Amino acid sequence: MSISNESLYLRSNYAKYAAKFVPFAPETFKAFSEFNKLALQDGALSGKFKELIAIAVAHATGCPYCIDIHVTTGHKLQLTKEEIFEAIAVSALVKGYSAFYHGANALNALRDDRDDELYSRSNLTGIEQFESINEQLYTSVLEFRRNVLAGQVVSSLEKALIAVAIAHITGCAYSIEDFTVLAKQEGAAIEEIAETILVATALKAGSALAHRVNAYSAFIREDENNS
């Protein structure tokens, strides 16, 4: 199979270049590696479930290296395609729901009497105004949420925790509020919330770090072009 020289993402490049930057900042790379390992090990949440969270987060960040690495690891831990798909669906829901929730800000921007506060917890109920604007579309959004968050192969508690992780990726204050409350209602302990956030943190930072292989490739290619 031929591969274009224009391809910016190659699995082989990750193996080839991943360690190349390490000698230039060894202590920092070591510290992140140790943090990443701790964030994904067994704790209040199992390492296997943390890999499922990691897969969902990787789909939210869109990092192809992270998707490849964590799906491969999850497969080794015997995560099923059903579990992986349900986690991806939660990722899609929360990422989309964050945009949906920001519709509250759009509604406020249309008001003549809008105040100076851009984010308010009360905006979460204000979003219901969309029902009178387009009931069918509004209802379909709520139905998607119900279907995705319902316990199936992945439990409703686990899905709520995955939702918390994705909310921290989107950074949407409404989603963080909503899905953290949902996770608590589903029975999540504070330790589980904490570990979920740490997995999200590791993967969000890790997605930026993973792209170092592209930076290294670009750097050495420029040297070769100028030689």
C-alpha atoms as a PDB file:
ATOM      1  CA  MET A   1       0.000   0.000   0.000  1.00  0.00           C
ATOM      2  CA  SER A   2       1.511   3.322  -1.083  1.00  0.00           C
ATOM      3  CA  ILE A   3       1.480   6.292   1.314  1.00  0.00           C
ATOM      4  CA  SER A   4       1.517   9.885   0.147  1.00  0.00           C
ATOM      5  CA  ASN A   5       4.439  12.025   1.250  1.00  0.00           C
ATOM      6  CA  GLU A   6       1.790  14.664   1.998  1.00  0.00           C
ATOM      7  CA  SER A   7       0.260  12.621   4.810  1.00  0.00           C
ATOM      8  CA  LEU A   8       0.598  14.458   8.124  1.00  0.00           C
ATOM      9  CA  TYR A   9      -0.662  11.579  10.249  1.00  0.00           C
ATOM     10  CA  LEU A  10       1.079   8.224  10.127  1.00  0.00           C
ATOM     11  CA  ARG A  11       0.976   5.656  12.896  1.00  0.00           C
ATOM     12  CA  SER A  12       4.585   4.819  12.096  1.00  0.00           C
ATOM     13  CA  ASN A  13       5.597   8.455  12.653  1.00  0.00           C
ATOM     14  CA  TYR A  14       4.415   8.270  16.245  1.00  0.00           C
ATOM     15  CA  ALA A  15       6.676   5.330  16.971  1.00  0.00           C
ATOM     16  CA  LYS A  16       9.481   6.975  14.987  1.00  0.00           C
ATOM     17  CA  TYR A  17       9.375  10.473  16.498  1.00  0.00           C
ATOM     18  CA  ALA A  18       7.585  10.250  19.873  1.00  0.00           C
ATOM     19  CA  ALA A  19      10.790  10.197  21.917  1.00  0.00           C
ATOM     20  CA  LYS A  20      12.778  12.675  19.824  1.00  0.00           C
ATOM     21  CA  PHE A  21      11.890  15.765  21.901  1.00  0.00           C
ATOM     22  CA  VAL A  22      12.465  14.050  25.250  1.00  0.00           C
ATOM     23  CA  PRO A  23      16.233  14.823  25.519  1.00  0.00           C
ATOM     24  CA  PHE A  24      15.461  18.546  25.183  1.00  0.00           C
ATOM     25  CA  ALA A  25      13.098  18.634  28.202  1.00  0.00           C
ATOM     26  CA  PRO A  26      13.637  15.293  29.974  1.00  0.00           C
ATOM     27  CA  GLU A  27      12.301  16.164  33.420  1.00  0.00           C
ATOM     28  CA  THR A  28       9.106  17.706  32.079  1.00  0.00           C
ATOM     29  CA  PHE A  29       8.406  14.784  29.766  1.00  0.00           C
ATOM     30  CA  LYS A  30       9.083  12.384  32.637  1.00  0.00           C
ATOM     31  CA  ALA A  31       6.708  14.298  34.914  1.00  0.00           C
ATOM     32  CA  PHE A  32       3.902  14.196  32.354  1.00  0.00           C
ATOM     33  CA  SER A  33       4.467  10.508  31.699  1.00  0.00           C
ATOM     34  CA  GLU A  34       4.194   9.771  35.410  1.00  0.00           C
ATOM     35  CA  PHE A  35       1.050  11.908  35.733  1.00  0.00           C
ATOM     36  CA  ASN A  36      -0.542  10.182  32.742  1.00  0.00           C
ATOM     37  CA  LYS A  37       0.256   6.764  34.219  1.00  0.00           C
ATOM     38  CA  LEU A  38      -1.232   7.710  37.598  1.00  0.00           C
ATOM     39  CA  ALA A  39      -4.340   9.237  36.027  1.00  0.00           C
ATOM     40  CA  LEU A  40      -5.139   6.005  34.170  1.00  0.00           C
ATOM     41  CA  GLN A  41      -4.297   3.420  36.816  1.00  0.00           C
ATOM     42  CA  ASP A  42      -6.801   1.626  39.068  1.00  0.00           C
ATOM     43  CA  GLY A  43      -8.261   3.769  41.816  1.00  0.00           C
ATOM     44  CA  ALA A  44     -11.817   4.649  42.758  1.00  0.00           C
ATOM     45  CA  LEU A  45     -12.441   3.852  39.080  1.00  0.00           C
ATOM     46  CA  SER A  46     -10.940   0.808  37.379  1.00  0.00           C
ATOM     47  CA  GLY A  47      -8.160   1.220  34.861  1.00  0.00           C
ATOM     48  CA  LYS A  48     -10.394  -0.463  32.283  1.00  0.00           C
ATOM     49  CA  PHE A  49     -13.185   2.093  32.731  1.00  0.00           C
ATOM     50  CA  LYS A  50     -10.650   4.915  32.672  1.00  0.00           C
ATOM     51  CA  GLU A  51      -9.553   3.675  29.244  1.00  0.00           C
ATOM     52  CA  LEU A  52     -13.182   3.942  28.143  1.00  0.00           C
ATOM     53  CA  ILE A  53     -13.239   7.540  29.398  1.00  0.00           C
ATOM     54  CA  ALA A  54      -9.954   8.132  27.575  1.00  0.00           C
ATOM     55  CA  ILE A  55     -11.450   6.817  24.326  1.00  0.00           C
ATOM     56  CA  ALA A  56     -14.425   9.157  24.678  1.00  0.00           C
ATOM     57  CA  VAL A  57     -12.155  12.120  25.427  1.00  0.00           C
ATOM     58  CA  ALA A  58      -9.886  11.271  22.489  1.00  0.00           C
ATOM     59  CA  HIS A  59     -12.904  11.522  20.216  1.00  0.00           C
ATOM     60  CA  ALA A  60     -13.736  14.905  21.728  1.00  0.00           C
ATOM     61  CA  THR A  61     -10.205  16.232  21.151  1.00  0.00           C
ATOM     62  CA  GLY A  62     -10.047  14.560  17.738  1.00  0.00           C
ATOM     63  CA  CYS A  63      -6.442  13.432  18.200  1.00  0.00           C
ATOM     64  CA  PRO A  64      -5.879  10.486  15.819  1.00  0.00           C
ATOM     65  CA  TYR A  65      -2.862   9.263  17.781  1.00  0.00           C
ATOM     66  CA  CYS A  66      -4.867   9.249  21.046  1.00  0.00           C
ATOM     67  CA  ILE A  67      -7.767   7.423  19.407  1.00  0.00           C
ATOM     68  CA  ASP A  68      -5.424   4.791  17.976  1.00  0.00           C
ATOM     69  CA  ILE A  69      -3.488   4.302  21.222  1.00  0.00           C
ATOM     70  CA  HIS A  70      -6.435   4.198  23.617  1.00  0.00           C
ATOM     71  CA  VAL A  71      -8.743   2.088  21.450  1.00  0.00           C
ATOM     72  CA  THR A  72      -5.867  -0.370  21.021  1.00  0.00           C
ATOM     73  CA  THR A  73      -5.272  -0.392  24.787  1.00  0.00           C
ATOM     74  CA  GLY A  74      -8.992  -0.693  25.478  1.00  0.00           C
ATOM     75  CA  HIS A  75      -9.223  -3.653  23.110  1.00  0.00           C
ATOM     76  CA  LYS A  76      -6.407  -5.360  25.032  1.00  0.00           C
ATOM     77  CA  LEU A  77      -8.412  -4.754  28.215  1.00  0.00           C
ATOM     78  CA  GLN A  78     -11.376  -6.457  26.507  1.00  0.00           C
ATOM     79  CA  LEU A  79     -13.537  -3.385  26.012  1.00  0.00           C
ATOM     80  CA  THR A  80     -16.164  -4.337  23.454  1.00  0.00           C
ATOM     81  CA  LYS A  81     -17.208  -2.471  20.321  1.00  0.00           C
ATOM     82  CA  GLU A  82     -20.557  -1.837  22.002  1.00  0.00           C
ATOM     83  CA  GLU A  83     -18.898  -0.189  25.001  1.00  0.00           C
ATOM     84  CA  ILE A  84     -16.630   1.874  22.780  1.00  0.00           C
ATOM     85  CA  PHE A  85     -19.511   3.049  20.588  1.00  0.00           C
ATOM     86  CA  GLU A  86     -21.647   4.004  23.584  1.00  0.00           C
ATOM     87  CA  ALA A  87     -18.734   6.017  25.003  1.00  0.00           C
ATOM     88  CA  ILE A  88     -18.230   7.750  21.649  1.00  0.00           C
ATOM     89  CA  ALA A  89     -21.952   8.560  21.557  1.00  0.00           C
ATOM     90  CA  VAL A  90     -21.707  10.223  24.981  1.00  0.00           C
ATOM     91  CA  SER A  91     -18.753  12.233  23.689  1.00  0.00           C
ATOM     92  CA  ALA A  92     -20.790  13.349  20.677  1.00  0.00           C
ATOM     93  CA  LEU A  93     -23.776  14.202  22.856  1.00  0.00           C
ATOM     94  CA  VAL A  94     -21.903  16.349  25.361  1.00  0.00           C
ATOM     95  CA  LYS A  95     -19.837  18.125  22.735  1.00  0.00           C
ATOM     96  CA  GLY A  96     -23.036  18.918  20.849  1.00  0.00           C
ATOM     97  CA  TYR A  97     -24.961  19.693  24.022  1.00  0.00           C
ATOM     98  CA  SER A  98     -22.376  22.278  25.001  1.00  0.00           C
ATOM     99  CA  ALA A  99     -23.133  24.116  21.768  1.00  0.00           C
ATOM    100  CA  PHE A 100     -26.864  23.650  22.430  1.00  0.00           C
ATOM    101  CA  TYR A 101     -26.541  25.077  25.937  1.00  0.00           C
ATOM    102  CA  HIS A 102     -24.740  28.120  24.591  1.00  0.00           C
ATOM    103  CA  GLY A 103     -27.996  28.809  22.779  1.00  0.00           C
ATOM    104  CA  ALA A 104     -29.097  30.307  26.110  1.00  0.00           C
ATOM    105  CA  ASN A 105     -26.573  33.051  25.495  1.00  0.00           C
ATOM    106  CA  ALA A 106     -28.002  33.574  22.008  1.00  0.00           C
ATOM    107  CA  LEU A 107     -31.490  33.958  23.469  1.00  0.00           C
ATOM    108  CA  ASN A 108     -30.184  36.449  26.030  1.00  0.00           C
ATOM    109  CA  ALA A 109     -28.392  38.427  23.323  1.00  0.00           C
ATOM    110  CA  LEU A 110     -31.747  38.916  21.594  1.00  0.00           C
ATOM    111  CA  ARG A 111     -33.303  40.493  24.684  1.00  0.00           C
ATOM    112  CA  ASP A 112     -33.505  44.268  24.955  1.00  0.00           C
ATOM    113  CA  ASP A 113     -33.253  44.030  28.747  1.00  0.00           C
ATOM    114  CA  ARG A 114     -30.275  41.651  28.892  1.00  0.00           C
ATOM    115  CA  ASP A 115     -27.940  42.148  31.818  1.00  0.00           C
ATOM    116  CA  ASP A 116     -24.164  42.129  32.051  1.00  0.00           C
ATOM    117  CA  GLU A 117     -23.864  38.546  33.357  1.00  0.00           C
ATOM    118  CA  LEU A 118     -23.082  36.225  30.438  1.00  0.00           C
ATOM    119  CA  TYR A 119     -23.175  32.973  32.390  1.00  0.00           C
ATOM    120  CA  SER A 120     -25.872  32.204  34.931  1.00  0.00           C
ATOM    121  CA  ARG A 121     -27.129  28.894  36.289  1.00  0.00           C
ATOM    122  CA  SER A 122     -30.669  30.092  35.543  1.00  0.00           C
ATOM    123  CA  ASN A 123     -29.822  30.010  31.823  1.00  0.00           C
ATOM    124  CA  LEU A 124     -30.116  26.225  31.999  1.00  0.00           C
ATOM    125  CA  THR A 125     -33.879  26.563  32.396  1.00  0.00           C
ATOM    126  CA  GLY A 126     -34.046  29.440  29.917  1.00  0.00           C
ATOM    127  CA  ILE A 127     -32.981  27.056  27.155  1.00  0.00           C
ATOM    128  CA  GLU A 128     -36.523  25.661  27.275  1.00  0.00           C
ATOM    129  CA  GLN A 129     -37.585  28.692  25.236  1.00  0.00           C
ATOM    130  CA  PHE A 130     -36.357  26.815  22.170  1.00  0.00           C
ATOM    131  CA  GLU A 131     -39.320  24.454  22.500  1.00  0.00           C
ATOM    132  CA  SER A 132     -41.731  27.238  21.481  1.00  0.00           C
ATOM    133  CA  ILE A 133     -39.443  28.211  18.584  1.00  0.00           C
ATOM    134  CA  ASN A 134     -39.164  24.720  17.057  1.00  0.00           C
ATOM    135  CA  GLU A 135     -40.797  22.014  19.141  1.00  0.00           C
ATOM    136  CA  GLN A 136     -39.827  19.131  16.840  1.00  0.00           C
ATOM    137  CA  LEU A 137     -36.146  20.072  16.776  1.00  0.00           C
ATOM    138  CA  TYR A 138     -36.049  20.788  20.503  1.00  0.00           C
ATOM    139  CA  THR A 139     -37.716  17.463  21.285  1.00  0.00           C
ATOM    140  CA  SER A 140     -35.299  15.572  19.045  1.00  0.00           C
ATOM    141  CA  VAL A 141     -32.350  17.032  20.953  1.00  0.00           C
ATOM    142  CA  LEU A 142     -33.832  15.872  24.262  1.00  0.00           C
ATOM    143  CA  GLU A 143     -34.610  12.465  22.812  1.00  0.00           C
ATOM    144  CA  PHE A 144     -31.003  12.069  21.643  1.00  0.00           C
ATOM    145  CA  ARG A 145     -29.862  12.886  25.169  1.00  0.00           C
ATOM    146  CA  ARG A 146     -32.217  10.315  26.715  1.00  0.00           C
ATOM    147  CA  ASN A 147     -31.173   7.586  24.304  1.00  0.00           C
ATOM    148  CA  VAL A 148     -27.453   8.189  24.702  1.00  0.00           C
ATOM    149  CA  LEU A 149     -27.412   8.475  28.501  1.00  0.00           C
ATOM    150  CA  ALA A 150     -29.701   5.509  29.144  1.00  0.00           C
ATOM    151  CA  GLY A 151     -27.920   2.556  30.720  1.00  0.00           C
ATOM    152  CA  GLN A 152     -27.151  -0.139  28.158  1.00  0.00           C
ATOM    153  CA  VAL A 153     -23.868  -2.055  27.952  1.00  0.00           C
ATOM    154  CA  VAL A 154     -22.323   0.966  29.658  1.00  0.00           C
ATOM    155  CA  SER A 155     -24.317   1.867  32.773  1.00  0.00           C
ATOM    156  CA  SER A 156     -26.083   5.198  33.249  1.00  0.00           C
ATOM    157  CA  LEU A 157     -23.627   6.041  36.054  1.00  0.00           C
ATOM    158  CA  GLU A 158     -20.637   5.320  33.838  1.00  0.00           C
ATOM    159  CA  LYS A 159     -22.153   7.378  31.026  1.00  0.00           C
ATOM    160  CA  ALA A 160     -22.722  10.276  33.403  1.00  0.00           C
ATOM    161  CA  LEU A 161     -19.056  10.141  34.439  1.00  0.00           C
ATOM    162  CA  ILE A 162     -17.955  10.070  30.793  1.00  0.00           C
ATOM    163  CA  ALA A 163     -20.202  13.101  30.260  1.00  0.00           C
ATOM    164  CA  VAL A 164     -18.413  14.924  33.083  1.00  0.00           C
ATOM    165  CA  ALA A 165     -15.095  14.227  31.376  1.00  0.00           C
ATOM    166  CA  ILE A 166     -16.284  15.575  28.021  1.00  0.00           C
ATOM    167  CA  ALA A 167     -17.838  18.629  29.685  1.00  0.00           C
ATOM    168  CA  HIS A 168     -14.367  19.481  30.992  1.00  0.00           C
ATOM    169  CA  ILE A 169     -12.995  19.134  27.470  1.00  0.00           C
ATOM    170  CA  THR A 170     -15.589  21.529  26.046  1.00  0.00           C
ATOM    171  CA  GLY A 171     -15.151  23.886  28.990  1.00  0.00           C
ATOM    172  CA  CYS A 172     -18.871  24.701  28.890  1.00  0.00           C
ATOM    173  CA  ALA A 173     -19.965  25.916  32.330  1.00  0.00           C
ATOM    174  CA  TYR A 174     -23.516  24.736  31.700  1.00  0.00           C
ATOM    175  CA  SER A 175     -22.403  21.213  30.750  1.00  0.00           C
ATOM    176  CA  ILE A 176     -20.060  20.958  33.734  1.00  0.00           C
ATOM    177  CA  GLU A 177     -22.930  21.988  36.019  1.00  0.00           C
ATOM    178  CA  ASP A 178     -25.534  19.754  34.391  1.00  0.00           C
ATOM    179  CA  PHE A 179     -23.549  16.563  33.964  1.00  0.00           C
ATOM    180  CA  THR A 180     -21.788  16.761  37.341  1.00  0.00           C
ATOM    181  CA  VAL A 181     -25.195  17.032  39.012  1.00  0.00           C
ATOM    182  CA  LEU A 182     -26.393  14.117  36.858  1.00  0.00           C
ATOM    183  CA  ALA A 183     -23.386  12.000  37.886  1.00  0.00           C
ATOM    184  CA  LYS A 184     -24.071  12.694  41.563  1.00  0.00           C
ATOM    185  CA  GLN A 185     -27.749  11.792  41.097  1.00  0.00           C
ATOM    186  CA  GLU A 186     -26.651   8.524  39.469  1.00  0.00           C
ATOM    187  CA  GLY A 187     -24.598   7.730  42.573  1.00  0.00           C
ATOM    188  CA  ALA A 188     -21.097   8.924  41.686  1.00  0.00           C
ATOM    189  CA  ALA A 189     -18.751   9.538  44.614  1.00  0.00           C
ATOM    190  CA  ILE A 190     -16.581  12.643  44.769  1.00  0.00           C
ATOM    191  CA  GLU A 191     -13.488  10.445  44.349  1.00  0.00           C
ATOM    192  CA  GLU A 192     -14.889   9.113  41.074  1.00  0.00           C
ATOM    193  CA  ILE A 193     -15.589  12.634  39.842  1.00  0.00           C
ATOM    194  CA  ALA A 194     -12.030  13.658  40.753  1.00  0.00           C
ATOM    195  CA  GLU A 195     -10.464  10.712  38.903  1.00  0.00           C
ATOM    196  CA  THR A 196     -12.698  11.327  35.883  1.00  0.00           C
ATOM    197  CA  ILE A 197     -11.494  14.920  35.671  1.00  0.00           C
ATOM    198  CA  LEU A 198      -7.877  13.785  35.925  1.00  0.00           C
ATOM    199  CA  VAL A 199      -8.335  11.372  33.009  1.00  0.00           C
ATOM    200  CA  ALA A 200      -9.864  14.213  30.983  1.00  0.00           C
ATOM    201  CA  THR A 201      -6.925  16.435  31.956  1.00  0.00           C
ATOM    202  CA  ALA A 202      -4.371  13.809  30.944  1.00  0.00           C
ATOM    203  CA  LEU A 203      -6.039  13.252  27.587  1.00  0.00           C
ATOM    204  CA  LYS A 204      -6.570  16.918  26.791  1.00  0.00           C
ATOM    205  CA  ALA A 205      -2.937  17.715  27.547  1.00  0.00           C
ATOM    206  CA  GLY A 206      -1.873  14.447  25.966  1.00  0.00           C
ATOM    207  CA  SER A 207      -3.569  15.313  22.682  1.00  0.00           C
ATOM    208  CA  ALA A 208      -1.376  18.411  22.420  1.00  0.00           C
ATOM    209  CA  LEU A 209       1.696  16.435  23.442  1.00  0.00           C
ATOM    210  CA  ALA A 210       0.962  13.662  20.955  1.00  0.00           C
ATOM    211  CA  HIS A 211       1.131  16.133  18.087  1.00  0.00           C
ATOM    212  CA  ARG A 212       4.799  16.769  18.906  1.00  0.00           C
ATOM    213  CA  VAL A 213       5.625  14.091  16.362  1.00  0.00           C
ATOM    214  CA  ASN A 214       4.239  16.389  13.652  1.00  0.00           C
ATOM    215  CA  ALA A 215       6.288  19.289  14.979  1.00  0.00           C
ATOM    216  CA  TYR A 216       9.448  17.198  14.995  1.00  0.00           C
ATOM    217  CA  SER A 217       8.760  15.899  11.496  1.00  0.00           C
ATOM    218  CA  ALA A 218       8.193  19.443  10.217  1.00  0.00           C
ATOM    219  CA  PHE A 219      11.345  20.697  11.939  1.00  0.00           C
ATOM    220  CA  ILE A 220      13.693  18.077  10.502  1.00  0.00           C
ATOM    221  CA  ARG A 221      12.059  18.273   7.077  1.00  0.00           C
ATOM    222  CA  GLU A 222      12.773  21.996   6.980  1.00  0.00           C
ATOM    223  CA  ASP A 223      16.415  21.277   7.838  1.00  0.00           C
ATOM    224  CA  GLU A 224      16.558  18.743   5.017  1.00  0.00           C
ATOM    225  CA  ASN A 225      14.997  21.206   2.572  1.00  0.00           C
ATOM    226  CA  ASN A 226      17.586  23.842   3.457  1.00  0.00           C
ATOM    227  CA  SER A 227      20.588  21.528   3.324  1.00  0.00           C
END
